[in-house]
Amino acid sequence: MPTLTYPNLGKPVIPWKPQDLFIYGNDGYWPDGENPADGRLFQDVAATIPGTTFGQPVGLAQRLAGTANLQQATAAARPTTAREPKGGRRNLLAQSLTQNNIGHGTATAVDDGPLSVEYSWNAGSTDIFSSVGVLWPAADVLNQRVVLSCYVKPGDNQYIYISSNSFGTQSNVGVKGRFDKITGAYTPLFSQNATYHASGIDEVSSGVYRVWISVTQPGNVGTKAFSVFCSNEVFTSTSTIILGTAPPASNFRVGSWQVERGDVPTPYQKVTTANDVTETGVPDMWSLRTDGTDDLMASTETFDVNKPWYFAVCAMIESSGGASGYENNLFGLQQGLINRLHLAARSAGTRTLQIYHRSAGGAQVATPLPPGGTFDYAYGVPFIVEGWAAGGGSLHCSINGGLTRAVAYTPGATPVLAPLQLGGGSGIAAAHYYDALAIQRIPSDAERAALRARWAERYLP
């Protein structure tokens, strides 16, 4: 009986890397992420000013593999370096640290764990409000259920009052209620043009509580104020305004504000700016953040769009602001203003993901995905989308790995040259680009699966 031998048994397995796709010298681009620490991002096209942290413009994004670098010579159209926690951003606040609505008192900055401000009563104030709060983008979540939460250290005060709009031009759009820190009970006090769903209070450390309410505000427009006040006084009013008539029993502290879609609060995400969002214990994801207006990166090299190309991108759409008809270009080959082949996210009443292609001299074709429906991507959640065009064959596209559409694609007889492009669009939504790949050949199913697995591990929830 023959003896079987396994010469590679026990040897380490060499992991597959996307740069392996370029071992044959194919044209294309792959940056391996957008972390400034990798040393491939520069604030200028000449590569004289390295990108080092979040909030910096990107004039040049060098490749790790491929033949092209992407750049933007126009300073105003450069994307910005950004970071957010793995799995995406949930906290919708423009910033979660500095209180920007204070009534009948003074807010003093403190550094006390999750608490960032101390409220003290101002007896001489003429304000009709008694609270401290933050502005939140209510228009972005119109008719959606949201959770508003914050950390509070009430001190000698028994009651914690909370309102989803204690300031603003529409003071009667929202809900108001009272927590009792001793019993944990929540008492609804007022609701108008809004729906109260649930609430909670948890003592997270000695004398520090996380309080939250879940609401839907269909009558809301613009920006509102999420506010808190602590007191031993029992009061109410037919308004969302928190109106105390006596000073608190002691100063109180507030911080770690969060507004998010959903039914219950999730772990707090610290929002310093739109380009700097972090979460304790969760790895950072770095990205190129476009403004949804004119930001884009394009290669100086041009490539034949009639040859086989494969595109893939891991990206996130921040928010459409409730508007329809916007488009975020994700990745593709473009000839001037004429779209030759690209992947795009579009909102036209419903959120969809589409692919566009134009054969040389032919009409542009827009294909919604999946067939007969839409890919209802969630704002703030990373997703993977890929598309590829086989010369003379079909144009395909898949989302997070599942093939969803194939349409006819016929290349022209004359080569049409176009640059690679990342970003751009005609809409109002910012987008984050974590990684992207373009290569002038069609990867195998195994190679595509390996790429998706790599990105999913790094970026997807």
Protein backbone atom coordinates (compact mmCIF):
# COMPACT_ATOMS: atom_id res chain seq x y z
CA MET A 1 0.00 0.00 0.00
CA PRO A 2 1.52 3.35 -0.97
CA THR A 3 2.52 5.79 1.74
CA LEU A 4 1.04 9.29 1.57
CA THR A 5 3.33 12.18 2.42
CA TYR A 6 2.43 15.80 3.13
CA PRO A 7 5.51 17.95 2.51
CA ASN A 8 3.81 21.22 3.61
CA LEU A 9 2.29 19.82 6.80
CA GLY A 10 3.17 21.99 9.77
CA LYS A 11 4.50 24.86 7.67
CA PRO A 12 3.01 28.34 8.29
CA VAL A 13 0.30 29.44 5.89
CA ILE A 14 1.15 32.67 4.08
CA PRO A 15 -1.94 34.89 4.22
CA TRP A 16 -3.34 36.25 0.98
CA LYS A 17 -2.87 39.99 0.44
CA PRO A 18 -4.60 42.22 -2.11
CA GLN A 19 -1.24 43.24 -3.55
CA ASP A 20 -0.98 39.64 -4.78
CA LEU A 21 -3.53 40.70 -7.42
CA PHE A 22 -0.85 42.86 -9.05
CA ILE A 23 1.89 40.26 -9.40
CA TYR A 24 1.45 40.36 -13.19
CA GLY A 25 1.95 44.11 -13.37
CA ASN A 26 -1.68 44.99 -14.08
CA ASP A 27 -2.70 48.66 -14.10
CA GLY A 28 -4.70 49.82 -11.09
CA TYR A 29 -4.67 51.19 -7.57
CA TRP A 30 -4.78 49.80 -4.04
CA PRO A 31 -3.86 51.89 -0.95
CA ASP A 32 -4.45 49.28 1.82
CA GLY A 33 -6.55 51.61 3.93
CA GLU A 34 -6.31 55.32 4.69
CA ASN A 35 -4.43 55.43 8.00
CA PRO A 36 -1.98 58.37 8.08
CA ALA A 37 0.38 56.22 10.17
CA ASP A 38 1.12 54.14 7.05
CA GLY A 39 2.88 57.13 5.49
CA ARG A 40 1.04 57.10 2.15
CA LEU A 41 -1.18 60.17 2.64
CA PHE A 42 0.02 63.70 1.95
CA GLN A 43 -1.69 67.06 2.33
CA ASP A 44 -0.26 68.34 -0.97
CA VAL A 45 0.18 66.88 -4.44
CA ALA A 46 3.96 67.25 -4.27
CA ALA A 47 4.12 64.92 -1.24
CA THR A 48 6.04 67.45 0.87
CA ILE A 49 3.52 67.68 3.76
CA PRO A 50 2.71 64.27 5.29
CA GLY A 51 -0.72 63.51 6.65
CA THR A 52 -0.35 62.69 10.33
CA THR A 53 -3.75 62.81 12.04
CA PHE A 54 -7.48 63.38 11.57
CA GLY A 55 -8.93 66.54 10.08
CA GLN A 56 -6.21 67.11 7.49
CA PRO A 57 -6.73 67.59 3.73
CA VAL A 58 -5.45 64.88 1.41
CA GLY A 59 -3.83 66.04 -1.82
CA LEU A 60 -2.11 62.74 -2.62
CA ALA A 61 -3.02 59.15 -1.71
CA GLN A 62 -0.20 56.86 -2.72
CA ARG A 63 -0.68 53.22 -3.62
CA LEU A 64 0.73 50.21 -1.86
CA ALA A 65 0.20 48.20 -5.03
CA GLY A 66 -0.75 48.96 -8.60
CA THR A 67 0.44 51.60 -11.07
CA ALA A 68 -1.52 54.74 -10.15
CA ASN A 69 -1.66 57.18 -7.28
CA LEU A 70 -4.74 59.34 -6.66
CA GLN A 71 -4.48 63.08 -6.16
CA GLN A 72 -6.42 66.33 -6.00
CA ALA A 73 -4.70 69.54 -7.10
CA THR A 74 -7.58 71.82 -6.05
CA ALA A 75 -7.30 72.50 -2.33
CA ALA A 76 -11.03 73.07 -1.81
CA ALA A 77 -11.88 69.69 -3.38
CA ARG A 78 -9.58 67.56 -1.25
CA PRO A 79 -11.08 64.95 1.08
CA THR A 80 -10.17 64.98 4.77
CA THR A 81 -8.63 62.34 6.99
CA ALA A 82 -11.13 61.00 9.50
CA ARG A 83 -11.48 58.25 12.07
CA GLU A 84 -14.46 56.55 13.67
CA PRO A 85 -14.93 53.30 15.60
CA LYS A 86 -15.00 49.95 13.82
CA GLY A 87 -18.51 49.25 12.64
CA GLY A 88 -19.32 52.90 11.99
CA ARG A 89 -20.53 56.01 13.71
CA ARG A 90 -23.78 55.95 15.70
CA ASN A 91 -23.66 59.24 17.64
CA LEU A 92 -25.30 61.84 15.38
CA LEU A 93 -24.18 64.89 17.35
CA ALA A 94 -21.83 67.35 15.68
CA GLN A 95 -19.93 67.29 18.97
CA SER A 96 -20.71 65.50 22.23
CA LEU A 97 -18.54 67.43 24.72
CA THR A 98 -19.36 71.15 24.75
CA GLN A 99 -22.81 72.20 25.90
CA ASN A 100 -24.21 74.93 23.68
CA ASN A 101 -27.61 75.64 25.26
CA ILE A 102 -27.65 76.86 28.86
CA GLY A 103 -30.58 78.50 30.60
CA HIS A 104 -30.85 80.28 33.97
CA GLY A 105 -27.33 79.28 34.94
CA THR A 106 -23.67 78.88 34.09
CA ALA A 107 -21.85 75.86 32.68
CA THR A 108 -18.24 75.39 33.72
CA ALA A 109 -16.02 72.85 31.96
CA VAL A 110 -14.81 69.97 34.14
CA ASP A 111 -12.80 66.82 33.55
CA ASP A 112 -14.69 64.22 35.57
CA GLY A 113 -14.73 60.90 33.72
CA PRO A 114 -17.83 60.88 31.48
CA LEU A 115 -18.86 64.32 32.80
CA SER A 116 -17.67 67.43 30.99
CA VAL A 117 -19.61 70.37 32.48
CA GLU A 118 -20.88 71.54 35.87
CA TYR A 119 -24.10 73.55 36.00
CA SER A 120 -24.56 76.26 38.61
CA TRP A 121 -27.70 78.37 39.14
CA ASN A 122 -27.60 82.06 38.23
CA ALA A 123 -30.08 83.89 40.46
CA GLY A 124 -29.90 87.03 38.35
CA SER A 125 -30.58 85.33 35.05
CA THR A 126 -33.60 86.38 33.02
CA ASP A 127 -33.71 83.16 31.00
CA ILE A 128 -37.01 81.30 31.07
CA PHE A 129 -35.18 77.97 30.68
CA SER A 130 -33.60 75.99 33.51
CA SER A 131 -31.33 73.43 31.89
CA VAL A 132 -28.10 72.62 30.11
CA GLY A 133 -28.09 70.91 26.74
CA VAL A 134 -26.67 70.19 23.30
CA LEU A 135 -28.04 70.82 19.84
CA TRP A 136 -28.97 67.72 17.86
CA PRO A 137 -29.79 67.34 14.13
CA ALA A 138 -33.46 66.46 14.41
CA ALA A 139 -34.11 66.96 10.69
CA ASP A 140 -31.77 64.06 9.87
CA VAL A 141 -33.99 61.65 11.79
CA LEU A 142 -37.40 63.00 10.87
CA ASN A 143 -40.07 60.36 11.62
CA GLN A 144 -37.44 57.94 12.89
CA ARG A 145 -37.15 56.52 16.39
CA VAL A 146 -34.11 57.93 18.16
CA VAL A 147 -32.52 57.51 21.57
CA LEU A 148 -31.16 60.50 23.49
CA SER A 149 -28.81 59.67 26.36
CA CYS A 150 -26.29 61.38 28.62
CA TYR A 151 -24.42 60.90 31.89
CA VAL A 152 -25.55 62.91 34.92
CA LYS A 153 -24.14 63.42 38.41
CA PRO A 154 -27.12 65.01 40.19
CA GLY A 155 -25.37 65.59 43.51
CA ASP A 156 -27.89 66.41 46.27
CA ASN A 157 -30.76 66.63 43.77
CA GLN A 158 -33.31 63.80 43.70
CA TYR A 159 -34.86 64.49 40.30
CA ILE A 160 -33.33 64.54 36.82
CA TYR A 161 -35.45 66.35 34.22
CA ILE A 162 -34.91 65.57 30.53
CA SER A 163 -36.31 67.13 27.35
CA SER A 164 -35.85 66.40 23.67
CA ASN A 165 -36.31 70.10 22.92
CA SER A 166 -36.06 72.61 25.72
CA PHE A 167 -34.83 75.36 23.42
CA GLY A 168 -35.26 76.30 19.79
CA THR A 169 -37.83 77.93 17.58
CA GLN A 170 -40.32 75.11 18.18
CA SER A 171 -40.35 74.76 21.94
CA ASN A 172 -43.46 72.57 21.84
CA VAL A 173 -42.03 69.90 19.55
CA GLY A 174 -40.66 67.15 21.74
CA VAL A 175 -41.14 65.28 25.00
CA LYS A 176 -40.27 66.06 28.61
CA GLY A 177 -40.03 63.82 31.65
CA ARG A 178 -38.61 63.37 35.16
CA PHE A 179 -36.40 60.62 36.59
CA ASP A 180 -36.27 59.86 40.32
CA LYS A 181 -32.71 58.74 41.13
CA ILE A 182 -33.89 57.01 44.32
CA THR A 183 -36.70 54.88 42.87
CA GLY A 184 -35.55 54.82 39.26
CA ALA A 185 -39.05 55.78 38.14
CA TYR A 186 -39.68 57.89 35.05
CA THR A 187 -42.67 60.24 34.97
CA PRO A 188 -43.75 61.56 31.55
CA LEU A 189 -44.58 65.25 31.89
CA PHE A 190 -45.39 66.58 28.44
CA SER A 191 -45.43 65.53 24.80
CA GLN A 192 -46.45 67.47 21.72
CA ASN A 193 -45.88 66.71 18.04
CA ALA A 194 -43.68 63.86 19.23
CA THR A 195 -44.07 60.33 20.55
CA TYR A 196 -42.47 58.98 23.73
CA HIS A 197 -41.51 55.28 23.52
CA ALA A 198 -39.29 54.25 26.41
CA SER A 199 -36.78 55.49 28.97
CA GLY A 200 -34.16 54.26 31.40
CA ILE A 201 -31.85 55.28 34.22
CA ASP A 202 -28.78 53.26 35.25
CA GLU A 203 -26.26 54.07 37.97
CA VAL A 204 -22.97 53.47 36.15
CA SER A 205 -20.76 54.44 39.11
CA SER A 206 -21.22 55.93 42.55
CA GLY A 207 -23.58 58.88 42.13
CA VAL A 208 -23.29 58.92 38.32
CA TYR A 209 -26.26 57.90 36.17
CA ARG A 210 -26.87 57.34 32.48
CA VAL A 211 -30.37 58.51 31.57
CA TRP A 212 -32.11 58.08 28.22
CA ILE A 213 -35.39 58.47 26.38
CA SER A 214 -36.56 57.04 23.06
CA VAL A 215 -38.72 59.35 20.94
CA THR A 216 -40.08 59.97 17.46
CA GLN A 217 -40.59 63.58 16.42
CA PRO A 218 -42.55 63.67 13.15
CA GLY A 219 -43.41 67.34 13.56
CA ASN A 220 -39.81 68.37 14.02
CA VAL A 221 -37.71 70.44 11.69
CA GLY A 222 -34.22 71.90 11.92
CA THR A 223 -32.00 71.56 14.95
CA LYS A 224 -33.30 70.96 18.47
CA ALA A 225 -31.81 70.97 21.96
CA PHE A 226 -31.53 67.86 24.13
CA SER A 227 -31.50 69.24 27.68
CA VAL A 228 -31.18 68.17 31.33
CA PHE A 229 -31.86 69.84 34.70
CA CYS A 230 -31.52 68.51 38.27
CA SER A 231 -33.59 69.66 41.25
CA ASN A 232 -35.50 68.62 44.36
CA GLU A 233 -38.44 70.63 43.05
CA VAL A 234 -41.40 68.83 41.49
CA PHE A 235 -42.68 70.87 38.58
CA THR A 236 -44.34 70.54 35.22
CA SER A 237 -45.73 72.74 32.46
CA THR A 238 -47.63 72.38 29.20
CA SER A 239 -44.45 72.78 27.22
CA THR A 240 -41.25 70.94 26.46
CA ILE A 241 -39.45 73.72 28.35
CA ILE A 242 -37.76 72.72 31.62
CA LEU A 243 -38.74 75.55 33.94
CA GLY A 244 -37.45 75.44 37.50
CA THR A 245 -38.48 78.23 39.90
CA ALA A 246 -35.87 77.50 42.55
CA PRO A 247 -32.13 76.77 42.49
CA PRO A 248 -30.98 73.13 42.49
CA ALA A 249 -30.10 71.67 45.88
CA SER A 250 -26.51 71.56 44.61
CA ASN A 251 -24.60 72.02 41.41
CA PHE A 252 -24.85 69.05 39.06
CA ARG A 253 -22.63 67.66 36.31
CA VAL A 254 -23.52 66.39 32.83
CA GLY A 255 -21.63 64.90 29.90
CA SER A 256 -21.24 62.15 27.29
CA TRP A 257 -24.23 63.27 25.23
CA GLN A 258 -25.42 60.87 22.53
CA VAL A 259 -28.22 60.89 19.95
CA GLU A 260 -28.63 57.77 17.81
CA ARG A 261 -31.16 55.87 15.75
CA GLY A 262 -32.75 52.87 17.44
CA ASP A 263 -34.73 51.77 20.47
CA VAL A 264 -32.17 51.58 23.29
CA PRO A 265 -28.84 53.33 23.92
CA THR A 266 -25.58 51.77 22.80
CA PRO A 267 -22.10 52.43 24.24
CA TYR A 268 -21.11 56.09 24.13
CA GLN A 269 -19.17 57.42 21.16
CA LYS A 270 -17.13 60.56 21.75
CA VAL A 271 -17.57 63.08 18.92
CA THR A 272 -14.93 65.79 18.96
CA THR A 273 -15.54 66.81 15.35
CA ALA A 274 -17.06 65.16 12.29
CA ASN A 275 -13.56 63.87 11.54
CA ASP A 276 -12.83 62.51 15.01
CA VAL A 277 -15.20 59.96 16.55
CA THR A 278 -13.91 57.39 19.06
CA GLU A 279 -15.32 54.68 21.30
CA THR A 280 -13.56 53.19 24.31
CA GLY A 281 -12.32 49.66 23.65
CA VAL A 282 -13.18 49.71 19.92
CA PRO A 283 -10.48 49.95 17.21
CA ASP A 284 -10.32 53.07 15.05
CA MET A 285 -11.18 52.98 11.34
CA TRP A 286 -9.42 55.58 9.22
CA SER A 287 -10.98 56.99 6.07
CA LEU A 288 -10.94 59.70 3.46
CA ARG A 289 -14.04 61.80 4.18
CA THR A 290 -15.62 63.67 1.28
CA ASP A 291 -17.98 66.60 1.75
CA GLY A 292 -20.63 65.36 -0.70
CA THR A 293 -20.16 68.45 -2.87
CA ASP A 294 -16.94 68.49 -4.86
CA ASP A 295 -14.39 66.35 -3.02
CA LEU A 296 -12.82 63.61 -5.10
CA MET A 297 -9.49 61.95 -5.90
CA ALA A 298 -8.40 61.15 -9.44
CA SER A 299 -5.33 59.60 -11.02
CA THR A 300 -3.11 61.53 -13.41
CA GLU A 301 -2.74 58.36 -15.46
CA THR A 302 -5.43 57.29 -17.89
CA PHE A 303 -6.51 53.76 -18.67
CA ASP A 304 -8.41 51.97 -21.39
CA VAL A 305 -12.03 51.57 -20.28
CA ASN A 306 -12.63 48.95 -22.97
CA LYS A 307 -10.43 46.44 -21.22
CA PRO A 308 -11.57 44.31 -18.28
CA TRP A 309 -11.67 46.24 -15.00
CA TYR A 310 -12.60 45.32 -11.46
CA PHE A 311 -13.60 47.84 -8.81
CA ALA A 312 -14.31 47.38 -5.13
CA VAL A 313 -14.72 49.88 -2.32
CA CYS A 314 -15.52 49.78 1.38
CA ALA A 315 -17.38 52.98 2.23
CA MET A 316 -19.99 54.62 4.44
CA ILE A 317 -22.61 57.29 3.72
CA GLU A 318 -23.07 59.72 6.62
CA SER A 319 -26.59 61.04 5.97
CA SER A 320 -28.68 62.48 3.18
CA GLY A 321 -30.37 65.03 5.39
CA GLY A 322 -33.68 63.53 4.32
CA ALA A 323 -33.30 64.76 0.75
CA SER A 324 -33.81 62.73 -2.40
CA GLY A 325 -31.99 62.83 -5.68
CA TYR A 326 -28.47 62.98 -4.30
CA GLU A 327 -25.66 60.78 -5.50
CA ASN A 328 -22.32 59.79 -4.04
CA ASN A 329 -19.94 58.37 -6.58
CA LEU A 330 -18.00 55.54 -5.01
CA PHE A 331 -15.38 54.43 -7.50
CA GLY A 332 -14.85 54.06 -11.20
CA LEU A 333 -13.29 55.07 -14.49
CA GLN A 334 -14.58 58.33 -15.89
CA GLN A 335 -13.98 60.33 -19.05
CA GLY A 336 -14.43 64.01 -18.21
CA LEU A 337 -18.02 64.54 -17.11
CA ILE A 338 -19.20 61.46 -18.98
CA ASN A 339 -19.56 58.41 -16.77
CA ARG A 340 -17.97 55.36 -18.36
CA LEU A 341 -18.23 52.94 -15.47
CA HIS A 342 -18.77 53.67 -11.83
CA LEU A 343 -20.47 52.55 -8.65
CA ALA A 344 -22.73 55.06 -6.92
CA ALA A 345 -25.08 55.43 -3.97
CA ARG A 346 -28.23 57.37 -4.77
CA SER A 347 -31.30 58.55 -2.88
CA ALA A 348 -34.46 59.08 -4.89
CA GLY A 349 -37.18 58.72 -2.33
CA THR A 350 -35.63 55.41 -1.29
CA ARG A 351 -31.96 54.70 -0.72
CA THR A 352 -30.46 52.62 -3.50
CA LEU A 353 -27.11 51.47 -4.72
CA GLN A 354 -26.60 51.71 -8.46
CA ILE A 355 -24.04 50.94 -11.10
CA TYR A 356 -23.59 53.04 -14.20
CA HIS A 357 -21.90 52.15 -17.42
CA ARG A 358 -21.57 53.70 -20.84
CA SER A 359 -20.12 51.84 -23.79
CA ALA A 360 -18.07 53.96 -26.15
CA GLY A 361 -20.53 56.18 -28.03
CA GLY A 362 -23.50 54.58 -26.29
CA ALA A 363 -26.09 55.81 -23.82
CA GLN A 364 -25.55 55.73 -20.06
CA VAL A 365 -27.30 52.92 -18.24
CA ALA A 366 -28.22 53.13 -14.57
CA THR A 367 -29.01 49.86 -12.83
CA PRO A 368 -30.59 49.73 -9.36
CA LEU A 369 -29.56 46.89 -7.10
CA PRO A 370 -30.80 44.31 -6.41
CA PRO A 371 -33.07 43.55 -9.37
CA GLY A 372 -36.55 44.81 -8.80
CA GLY A 373 -35.72 46.49 -5.52
CA THR A 374 -33.27 48.58 -3.56
CA PHE A 375 -30.31 47.96 -1.33
CA ASP A 376 -31.47 49.85 1.74
CA TYR A 377 -28.08 50.71 3.15
CA ALA A 378 -28.07 52.20 6.64
CA TYR A 379 -26.54 55.62 7.07
CA GLY A 380 -23.46 55.48 9.27
CA VAL A 381 -22.85 51.77 8.63
CA PRO A 382 -19.92 50.64 6.43
CA PHE A 383 -20.66 48.47 3.42
CA ILE A 384 -18.67 46.77 0.66
CA VAL A 385 -19.65 47.13 -2.98
CA GLU A 386 -17.88 45.72 -6.00
CA GLY A 387 -18.38 45.80 -9.76
CA TRP A 388 -16.43 44.48 -12.68
CA ALA A 389 -16.58 44.70 -16.44
CA ALA A 390 -15.32 41.93 -18.68
CA GLY A 391 -14.33 43.20 -22.08
CA GLY A 392 -17.17 42.26 -24.41
CA GLY A 393 -19.04 40.44 -21.66
CA SER A 394 -21.19 41.73 -18.81
CA LEU A 395 -21.05 44.31 -16.07
CA HIS A 396 -21.78 42.86 -12.66
CA CYS A 397 -22.16 44.27 -9.20
CA SER A 398 -22.42 42.81 -5.72
CA ILE A 399 -22.94 44.23 -2.27
CA ASN A 400 -21.19 42.70 0.71
CA GLY A 401 -20.48 39.68 -1.41
CA GLY A 402 -23.78 38.71 -2.99
CA LEU A 403 -24.13 38.96 -6.77
CA THR A 404 -27.21 41.08 -7.46
CA ARG A 405 -27.15 42.27 -11.06
CA ALA A 406 -25.56 41.71 -14.44
CA VAL A 407 -26.19 43.95 -17.45
CA ALA A 408 -24.83 43.89 -20.97
CA TYR A 409 -21.65 45.85 -21.58
CA THR A 410 -20.16 46.24 -25.05
CA PRO A 411 -16.79 47.96 -25.39
CA GLY A 412 -16.14 50.23 -28.32
CA ALA A 413 -13.71 49.45 -31.11
CA THR A 414 -11.60 52.51 -30.34
CA PRO A 415 -9.86 52.64 -26.94
CA VAL A 416 -11.35 55.28 -24.63
CA LEU A 417 -8.96 56.53 -21.98
CA ALA A 418 -10.13 57.75 -18.57
CA PRO A 419 -8.68 58.36 -15.12
CA LEU A 420 -9.53 56.39 -12.02
CA GLN A 421 -11.71 58.42 -9.68
CA LEU A 422 -12.70 58.06 -6.04
CA GLY A 423 -15.54 60.19 -4.72
CA GLY A 424 -17.42 63.07 -6.29
CA GLY A 425 -21.13 63.21 -6.90
CA SER A 426 -23.98 65.66 -7.08
CA GLY A 427 -25.43 65.40 -3.62
CA ILE A 428 -25.36 66.72 -0.09
CA ALA A 429 -24.12 63.68 1.79
CA ALA A 430 -20.61 63.20 3.09
CA ALA A 431 -19.02 59.78 2.57
CA HIS A 432 -16.14 57.89 4.15
CA TYR A 433 -13.80 55.74 2.04
CA TYR A 434 -11.93 53.13 4.06
CA ASP A 435 -10.28 51.22 1.24
CA ALA A 436 -10.65 50.83 -2.51
CA LEU A 437 -9.30 48.59 -5.22
CA ALA A 438 -9.18 49.00 -9.00
CA ILE A 439 -7.34 46.55 -11.23
CA GLN A 440 -7.30 45.89 -14.96
CA ARG A 441 -8.18 42.22 -14.77
CA ILE A 442 -11.03 40.17 -13.37
CA PRO A 443 -10.07 38.48 -10.09
CA SER A 444 -11.13 34.94 -9.44
CA ASP A 445 -14.04 34.18 -7.13
CA ALA A 446 -11.55 33.07 -4.48
CA GLU A 447 -9.58 36.32 -4.76
CA ARG A 448 -12.73 38.42 -4.50
CA ALA A 449 -13.91 36.43 -1.49
CA ALA A 450 -10.54 36.90 0.20
CA LEU A 451 -10.69 40.67 -0.37
CA ARG A 452 -14.21 40.92 1.04
CA ALA A 453 -13.24 38.82 4.06
CA ARG A 454 -10.26 41.08 4.75
CA TRP A 455 -12.40 44.23 4.60
CA ALA A 456 -15.26 42.71 6.54
CA GLU A 457 -12.92 41.85 9.40
CA ARG A 458 -11.48 45.36 9.44
CA TYR A 459 -14.51 47.54 8.87
CA LEU A 460 -17.94 45.93 8.95
CA PRO A 461 -20.00 45.79 12.16
